[in-house]
Amino acid sequence: MGYEEFKIKDLRVAKIVQNAKKFGEIRLQNEALVKELLSLKQISLDKQERDEIERIFVNLMKIEEEVQLSS
């Protein structure tokens, strides 16, 4: 067991990773990725920008589903 096992972890990161495992969300099981996402500087987006980002993510999820179904 290395020193890393005893380091105090960010509880937000631990909770997100734990829930990601519970719900089978592979991308958010990566602790380093979650830490990076939580450390990003907050930016302000207007409604139109948020709607566009939502549209992009919805389309990416649809593409992912279609790829999985075609495999």
PDB file of N, CA and C in Angstrom:
ATOM      1  N   MET A   1       0.841  -1.161   0.000  1.00  0.00           N
ATOM      2  CA  MET A   1       0.000   0.000   0.000  1.00  0.00           C
ATOM      3  C   MET A   1       0.896   1.236   0.000  1.00  0.00           C
ATOM      4  N   GLY A   2       0.694   2.112  -0.944  1.00  0.00           N
ATOM      5  CA  GLY A   2       1.503   3.307  -1.049  1.00  0.00           C
ATOM      6  C   GLY A   2       0.937   4.463  -0.258  1.00  0.00           C
ATOM      7  N   TYR A   3       1.719   5.523  -0.201  1.00  0.00           N
ATOM      8  CA  TYR A   3       1.317   6.733   0.499  1.00  0.00           C
ATOM      9  C   TYR A   3       0.010   7.293  -0.057  1.00  0.00           C
ATOM     10  N   GLU A   4      -0.212   7.124  -1.358  1.00  0.00           N
ATOM     11  CA  GLU A   4      -1.416   7.661  -2.003  1.00  0.00           C
ATOM     12  C   GLU A   4      -2.688   7.149  -1.340  1.00  0.00           C
ATOM     13  N   GLU A   5      -2.651   5.963  -0.781  1.00  0.00           N
ATOM     14  CA  GLU A   5      -3.831   5.379  -0.151  1.00  0.00           C
ATOM     15  C   GLU A   5      -4.270   6.163   1.081  1.00  0.00           C
ATOM     16  N   PHE A   6      -3.337   6.901   1.705  1.00  0.00           N
ATOM     17  CA  PHE A   6      -3.641   7.585   2.955  1.00  0.00           C
ATOM     18  C   PHE A   6      -3.871   9.089   2.783  1.00  0.00           C
ATOM     19  N   LYS A   7      -3.716   9.601   1.576  1.00  0.00           N
ATOM     20  CA  LYS A   7      -3.939  11.018   1.345  1.00  0.00           C
ATOM     21  C   LYS A   7      -5.423  11.353   1.515  1.00  0.00           C
ATOM     22  N   ILE A   8      -5.686  12.523   2.066  1.00  0.00           N
ATOM     23  CA  ILE A   8      -7.066  12.970   2.213  1.00  0.00           C
ATOM     24  C   ILE A   8      -7.577  13.370   0.837  1.00  0.00           C
ATOM     25  N   LYS A   9      -8.715  12.851   0.468  1.00  0.00           N
ATOM     26  CA  LYS A   9      -9.283  13.117  -0.849  1.00  0.00           C
ATOM     27  C   LYS A   9     -10.373  14.172  -0.745  1.00  0.00           C
ATOM     28  N   ASP A  10     -10.578  14.858  -1.842  1.00  0.00           N
ATOM     29  CA  ASP A  10     -11.674  15.819  -1.939  1.00  0.00           C
ATOM     30  C   ASP A  10     -12.974  15.016  -1.896  1.00  0.00           C
ATOM     31  N   LEU A  11     -13.798  15.308  -0.917  1.00  0.00           N
ATOM     32  CA  LEU A  11     -15.030  14.530  -0.742  1.00  0.00           C
ATOM     33  C   LEU A  11     -15.975  14.672  -1.923  1.00  0.00           C
ATOM     34  N   ARG A  12     -15.958  15.853  -2.575  1.00  0.00           N
ATOM     35  CA  ARG A  12     -16.809  16.027  -3.760  1.00  0.00           C
ATOM     36  C   ARG A  12     -16.390  15.060  -4.859  1.00  0.00           C
ATOM     37  N   VAL A  13     -15.073  14.952  -5.060  1.00  0.00           N
ATOM     38  CA  VAL A  13     -14.553  14.054  -6.094  1.00  0.00           C
ATOM     39  C   VAL A  13     -14.913  12.612  -5.749  1.00  0.00           C
ATOM     40  N   ALA A  14     -14.682  12.232  -4.502  1.00  0.00           N
ATOM     41  CA  ALA A  14     -14.972  10.860  -4.076  1.00  0.00           C
ATOM     42  C   ALA A  14     -16.446  10.519  -4.270  1.00  0.00           C
ATOM     43  N   LYS A  15     -17.328  11.465  -3.942  1.00  0.00           N
ATOM     44  CA  LYS A  15     -18.775  11.223  -4.065  1.00  0.00           C
ATOM     45  C   LYS A  15     -19.182  11.089  -5.538  1.00  0.00           C
ATOM     46  N   ILE A  16     -18.621  11.956  -6.393  1.00  0.00           N
ATOM     47  CA  ILE A  16     -18.950  11.891  -7.819  1.00  0.00           C
ATOM     48  C   ILE A  16     -18.471  10.573  -8.407  1.00  0.00           C
ATOM     49  N   VAL A  17     -17.241  10.171  -8.080  1.00  0.00           N
ATOM     50  CA  VAL A  17     -16.698   8.912  -8.598  1.00  0.00           C
ATOM     51  C   VAL A  17     -17.525   7.732  -8.092  1.00  0.00           C
ATOM     52  N   GLN A  18     -17.892   7.775  -6.814  1.00  0.00           N
ATOM     53  CA  GLN A  18     -18.709   6.706  -6.231  1.00  0.00           C
ATOM     54  C   GLN A  18     -20.056   6.596  -6.943  1.00  0.00           C
ATOM     55  N   ASN A  19     -20.711   7.725  -7.176  1.00  0.00           N
ATOM     56  CA  ASN A  19     -22.004   7.698  -7.865  1.00  0.00           C
ATOM     57  C   ASN A  19     -21.846   7.287  -9.325  1.00  0.00           C
ATOM     58  N   ALA A  20     -20.749   7.678  -9.948  1.00  0.00           N
ATOM     59  CA  ALA A  20     -20.497   7.275 -11.332  1.00  0.00           C
ATOM     60  C   ALA A  20     -20.393   5.751 -11.426  1.00  0.00           C
ATOM     61  N   LYS A  21     -19.726   5.146 -10.465  1.00  0.00           N
ATOM     62  CA  LYS A  21     -19.615   3.677 -10.447  1.00  0.00           C
ATOM     63  C   LYS A  21     -20.989   3.054 -10.218  1.00  0.00           C
ATOM     64  N   LYS A  22     -21.751   3.667  -9.304  1.00  0.00           N
ATOM     65  CA  LYS A  22     -23.088   3.155  -8.973  1.00  0.00           C
ATOM     66  C   LYS A  22     -24.003   3.161 -10.191  1.00  0.00           C
ATOM     67  N   PHE A  23     -23.913   4.226 -11.012  1.00  0.00           N
ATOM     68  CA  PHE A  23     -24.789   4.375 -12.158  1.00  0.00           C
ATOM     69  C   PHE A  23     -24.150   3.938 -13.472  1.00  0.00           C
ATOM     70  N   GLY A  24     -22.927   3.409 -13.424  1.00  0.00           N
ATOM     71  CA  GLY A  24     -22.288   2.893 -14.625  1.00  0.00           C
ATOM     72  C   GLY A  24     -21.808   3.975 -15.588  1.00  0.00           C
ATOM     73  N   GLU A  25     -21.526   5.165 -15.085  1.00  0.00           N
ATOM     74  CA  GLU A  25     -21.036   6.266 -15.920  1.00  0.00           C
ATOM     75  C   GLU A  25     -19.510   6.204 -15.943  1.00  0.00           C
ATOM     76  N   ILE A  26     -18.973   5.606 -16.989  1.00  0.00           N
ATOM     77  CA  ILE A  26     -17.545   5.305 -17.066  1.00  0.00           C
ATOM     78  C   ILE A  26     -16.683   6.560 -17.035  1.00  0.00           C
ATOM     79  N   ARG A  27     -17.064   7.584 -17.787  1.00  0.00           N
ATOM     80  CA  ARG A  27     -16.217   8.783 -17.887  1.00  0.00           C
ATOM     81  C   ARG A  27     -15.979   9.436 -16.543  1.00  0.00           C
ATOM     82  N   LEU A  28     -16.985   9.478 -15.690  1.00  0.00           N
ATOM     83  CA  LEU A  28     -16.841  10.162 -14.401  1.00  0.00           C
ATOM     84  C   LEU A  28     -16.274   9.262 -13.306  1.00  0.00           C
ATOM     85  N   GLN A  29     -15.857   8.057 -13.659  1.00  0.00           N
ATOM     86  CA  GLN A  29     -15.177   7.198 -12.710  1.00  0.00           C
ATOM     87  C   GLN A  29     -13.683   7.539 -12.645  1.00  0.00           C
ATOM     88  N   ASN A  30     -13.234   8.366 -13.571  1.00  0.00           N
ATOM     89  CA  ASN A  30     -11.844   8.792 -13.620  1.00  0.00           C
ATOM     90  C   ASN A  30     -11.648   9.951 -12.642  1.00  0.00           C
ATOM     91  N   GLU A  31     -10.986   9.661 -11.524  1.00  0.00           N
ATOM     92  CA  GLU A  31     -10.821  10.650 -10.467  1.00  0.00           C
ATOM     93  C   GLU A  31     -10.048  11.883 -10.942  1.00  0.00           C
ATOM     94  N   ALA A  32      -9.031  11.693 -11.766  1.00  0.00           N
ATOM     95  CA  ALA A  32      -8.241  12.818 -12.276  1.00  0.00           C
ATOM     96  C   ALA A  32      -9.104  13.743 -13.136  1.00  0.00           C
ATOM     97  N   LEU A  33      -9.958  13.160 -13.958  1.00  0.00           N
ATOM     98  CA  LEU A  33     -10.846  13.961 -14.806  1.00  0.00           C
ATOM     99  C   LEU A  33     -11.823  14.775 -13.959  1.00  0.00           C
ATOM    100  N   VAL A  34     -12.396  14.148 -12.955  1.00  0.00           N
ATOM    101  CA  VAL A  34     -13.352  14.835 -12.085  1.00  0.00           C
ATOM    102  C   VAL A  34     -12.666  15.981 -11.349  1.00  0.00           C
ATOM    103  N   LYS A  35     -11.442  15.745 -10.847  1.00  0.00           N
ATOM    104  CA  LYS A  35     -10.688  16.807 -10.172  1.00  0.00           C
ATOM    105  C   LYS A  35     -10.465  17.979 -11.117  1.00  0.00           C
ATOM    106  N   GLU A  36     -10.100  17.686 -12.341  1.00  0.00           N
ATOM    107  CA  GLU A  36      -9.846  18.732 -13.324  1.00  0.00           C
ATOM    108  C   GLU A  36     -11.126  19.517 -13.624  1.00  0.00           C
ATOM    109  N   LEU A  37     -12.222  18.821 -13.792  1.00  0.00           N
ATOM    110  CA  LEU A  37     -13.490  19.494 -14.076  1.00  0.00           C
ATOM    111  C   LEU A  37     -13.912  20.405 -12.925  1.00  0.00           C
ATOM    112  N   LEU A  38     -13.690  19.957 -11.701  1.00  0.00           N
ATOM    113  CA  LEU A  38     -14.076  20.757 -10.545  1.00  0.00           C
ATOM    114  C   LEU A  38     -13.149  21.945 -10.316  1.00  0.00           C
ATOM    115  N   SER A  39     -11.932  21.864 -10.839  1.00  0.00           N
ATOM    116  CA  SER A  39     -10.975  22.950 -10.628  1.00  0.00           C
ATOM    117  C   SER A  39     -11.070  24.043 -11.694  1.00  0.00           C
ATOM    118  N   LEU A  40     -11.876  23.824 -12.720  1.00  0.00           N
ATOM    119  CA  LEU A  40     -11.990  24.807 -13.790  1.00  0.00           C
ATOM    120  C   LEU A  40     -12.611  26.094 -13.278  1.00  0.00           C
ATOM    121  N   LYS A  41     -12.155  27.199 -13.832  1.00  0.00           N
ATOM    122  CA  LYS A  41     -12.695  28.507 -13.478  1.00  0.00           C
ATOM    123  C   LYS A  41     -14.136  28.600 -13.974  1.00  0.00           C
ATOM    124  N   GLN A  42     -15.003  29.107 -13.130  1.00  0.00           N
ATOM    125  CA  GLN A  42     -16.399  29.260 -13.522  1.00  0.00           C
ATOM    126  C   GLN A  42     -16.534  30.394 -14.531  1.00  0.00           C
ATOM    127  N   ILE A  43     -17.357  30.156 -15.512  1.00  0.00           N
ATOM    128  CA  ILE A  43     -17.630  31.187 -16.499  1.00  0.00           C
ATOM    129  C   ILE A  43     -19.138  31.411 -16.551  1.00  0.00           C
ATOM    130  N   SER A  44     -19.514  32.574 -16.987  1.00  0.00           N
ATOM    131  CA  SER A  44     -20.938  32.887 -17.107  1.00  0.00           C
ATOM    132  C   SER A  44     -21.382  32.692 -18.549  1.00  0.00           C
ATOM    133  N   LEU A  45     -22.462  31.964 -18.709  1.00  0.00           N
ATOM    134  CA  LEU A  45     -23.021  31.734 -20.032  1.00  0.00           C
ATOM    135  C   LEU A  45     -24.466  32.213 -20.044  1.00  0.00           C
ATOM    136  N   ASP A  46     -24.852  32.817 -21.146  1.00  0.00           N
ATOM    137  CA  ASP A  46     -26.258  33.214 -21.243  1.00  0.00           C
ATOM    138  C   ASP A  46     -27.086  31.995 -21.676  1.00  0.00           C
ATOM    139  N   LYS A  47     -28.380  32.138 -21.686  1.00  0.00           N
ATOM    140  CA  LYS A  47     -29.278  31.013 -21.990  1.00  0.00           C
ATOM    141  C   LYS A  47     -29.008  30.418 -23.362  1.00  0.00           C
ATOM    142  N   GLN A  48     -28.776  31.250 -24.346  1.00  0.00           N
ATOM    143  CA  GLN A  48     -28.521  30.743 -25.699  1.00  0.00           C
ATOM    144  C   GLN A  48     -27.254  29.891 -25.735  1.00  0.00           C
ATOM    145  N   GLU A  49     -26.212  30.325 -25.054  1.00  0.00           N
ATOM    146  CA  GLU A  49     -24.965  29.552 -25.022  1.00  0.00           C
ATOM    147  C   GLU A  49     -25.170  28.224 -24.296  1.00  0.00           C
ATOM    148  N   ARG A  50     -25.909  28.243 -23.194  1.00  0.00           N
ATOM    149  CA  ARG A  50     -26.184  26.987 -22.474  1.00  0.00           C
ATOM    150  C   ARG A  50     -27.010  26.034 -23.323  1.00  0.00           C
ATOM    151  N   ASP A  51     -27.985  26.572 -24.052  1.00  0.00           N
ATOM    152  CA  ASP A  51     -28.807  25.742 -24.938  1.00  0.00           C
ATOM    153  C   ASP A  51     -27.960  25.100 -26.033  1.00  0.00           C
ATOM    154  N   GLU A  52     -27.021  25.849 -26.583  1.00  0.00           N
ATOM    155  CA  GLU A  52     -26.145  25.317 -27.630  1.00  0.00           C
ATOM    156  C   GLU A  52     -25.238  24.212 -27.080  1.00  0.00           C
ATOM    157  N   ILE A  53     -24.710  24.418 -25.888  1.00  0.00           N
ATOM    158  CA  ILE A  53     -23.863  23.396 -25.257  1.00  0.00           C
ATOM    159  C   ILE A  53     -24.682  22.149 -24.972  1.00  0.00           C
ATOM    160  N   GLU A  54     -25.896  22.342 -24.493  1.00  0.00           N
ATOM    161  CA  GLU A  54     -26.783  21.200 -24.242  1.00  0.00           C
ATOM    162  C   GLU A  54     -27.034  20.424 -25.531  1.00  0.00           C
ATOM    163  N   ARG A  55     -27.292  21.143 -26.615  1.00  0.00           N
ATOM    164  CA  ARG A  55     -27.543  20.510 -27.912  1.00  0.00           C
ATOM    165  C   ARG A  55     -26.327  19.683 -28.354  1.00  0.00           C
ATOM    166  N   ILE A  56     -25.149  20.224 -28.159  1.00  0.00           N
ATOM    167  CA  ILE A  56     -23.926  19.505 -28.531  1.00  0.00           C
ATOM    168  C   ILE A  56     -23.807  18.211 -27.739  1.00  0.00           C
ATOM    169  N   PHE A  57     -24.002  18.287 -26.415  1.00  0.00           N
ATOM    170  CA  PHE A  57     -23.876  17.090 -25.591  1.00  0.00           C
ATOM    171  C   PHE A  57     -24.955  16.052 -25.909  1.00  0.00           C
ATOM    172  N   VAL A  58     -26.163  16.503 -26.153  1.00  0.00           N
ATOM    173  CA  VAL A  58     -27.238  15.567 -26.515  1.00  0.00           C
ATOM    174  C   VAL A  58     -26.873  14.844 -27.809  1.00  0.00           C
ATOM    175  N   ASN A  59     -26.367  15.586 -28.792  1.00  0.00           N
ATOM    176  CA  ASN A  59     -25.969  14.963 -30.058  1.00  0.00           C
ATOM    177  C   ASN A  59     -24.811  13.990 -29.869  1.00  0.00           C
ATOM    178  N   LEU A  60     -23.854  14.346 -29.029  1.00  0.00           N
ATOM    179  CA  LEU A  60     -22.740  13.431 -28.763  1.00  0.00           C
ATOM    180  C   LEU A  60     -23.221  12.145 -28.097  1.00  0.00           C
ATOM    181  N   MET A  61     -24.174  12.255 -27.171  1.00  0.00           N
ATOM    182  CA  MET A  61     -24.707  11.061 -26.514  1.00  0.00           C
ATOM    183  C   MET A  61     -25.482  10.194 -27.503  1.00  0.00           C
ATOM    184  N   LYS A  62     -26.216  10.822 -28.424  1.00  0.00           N
ATOM    185  CA  LYS A  62     -26.939  10.064 -29.451  1.00  0.00           C
ATOM    186  C   LYS A  62     -25.954   9.323 -30.351  1.00  0.00           C
ATOM    187  N   ILE A  63     -24.885   9.991 -30.735  1.00  0.00           N
ATOM    188  CA  ILE A  63     -23.858   9.355 -31.570  1.00  0.00           C
ATOM    189  C   ILE A  63     -23.240   8.163 -30.834  1.00  0.00           C
ATOM    190  N   GLU A  64     -22.947   8.356 -29.550  1.00  0.00           N
ATOM    191  CA  GLU A  64     -22.367   7.266 -28.753  1.00  0.00           C
ATOM    192  C   GLU A  64     -23.320   6.071 -28.710  1.00  0.00           C
ATOM    193  N   GLU A  65     -24.602   6.316 -28.490  1.00  0.00           N
ATOM    194  CA  GLU A  65     -25.588   5.240 -28.444  1.00  0.00           C
ATOM    195  C   GLU A  65     -25.680   4.515 -29.782  1.00  0.00           C
ATOM    196  N   GLU A  66     -25.679   5.274 -30.879  1.00  0.00           N
ATOM    197  CA  GLU A  66     -25.781   4.667 -32.212  1.00  0.00           C
ATOM    198  C   GLU A  66     -24.554   3.807 -32.517  1.00  0.00           C
ATOM    199  N   VAL A  67     -23.390   4.258 -32.087  1.00  0.00           N
ATOM    200  CA  VAL A  67     -22.165   3.492 -32.312  1.00  0.00           C
ATOM    201  C   VAL A  67     -22.236   2.189 -31.515  1.00  0.00           C
ATOM    202  N   GLN A  68     -22.704   2.268 -30.282  1.00  0.00           N
ATOM    203  CA  GLN A  68     -22.804   1.062 -29.446  1.00  0.00           C
ATOM    204  C   GLN A  68     -23.810   0.089 -30.016  1.00  0.00           C
ATOM    205  N   LEU A  69     -24.918   0.594 -30.556  1.00  0.00           N
ATOM    206  CA  LEU A  69     -25.932  -0.284 -31.133  1.00  0.00           C
ATOM    207  C   LEU A  69     -25.452  -0.942 -32.416  1.00  0.00           C
ATOM    208  N   SER A  70     -24.603  -0.245 -33.175  1.00  0.00           N
ATOM    209  CA  SER A  70     -24.146  -0.795 -34.451  1.00  0.00           C
ATOM    210  C   SER A  70     -22.988  -1.770 -34.276  1.00  0.00           C
ATOM    211  N   SER A  71     -22.424  -1.835 -33.085  1.00  0.00           N
ATOM    212  CA  SER A  71     -21.280  -2.745 -32.845  1.00  0.00           C
ATOM    213  C   SER A  71     -21.724  -4.165 -32.639  1.00  0.00           C
TER     214      SER A  71
END
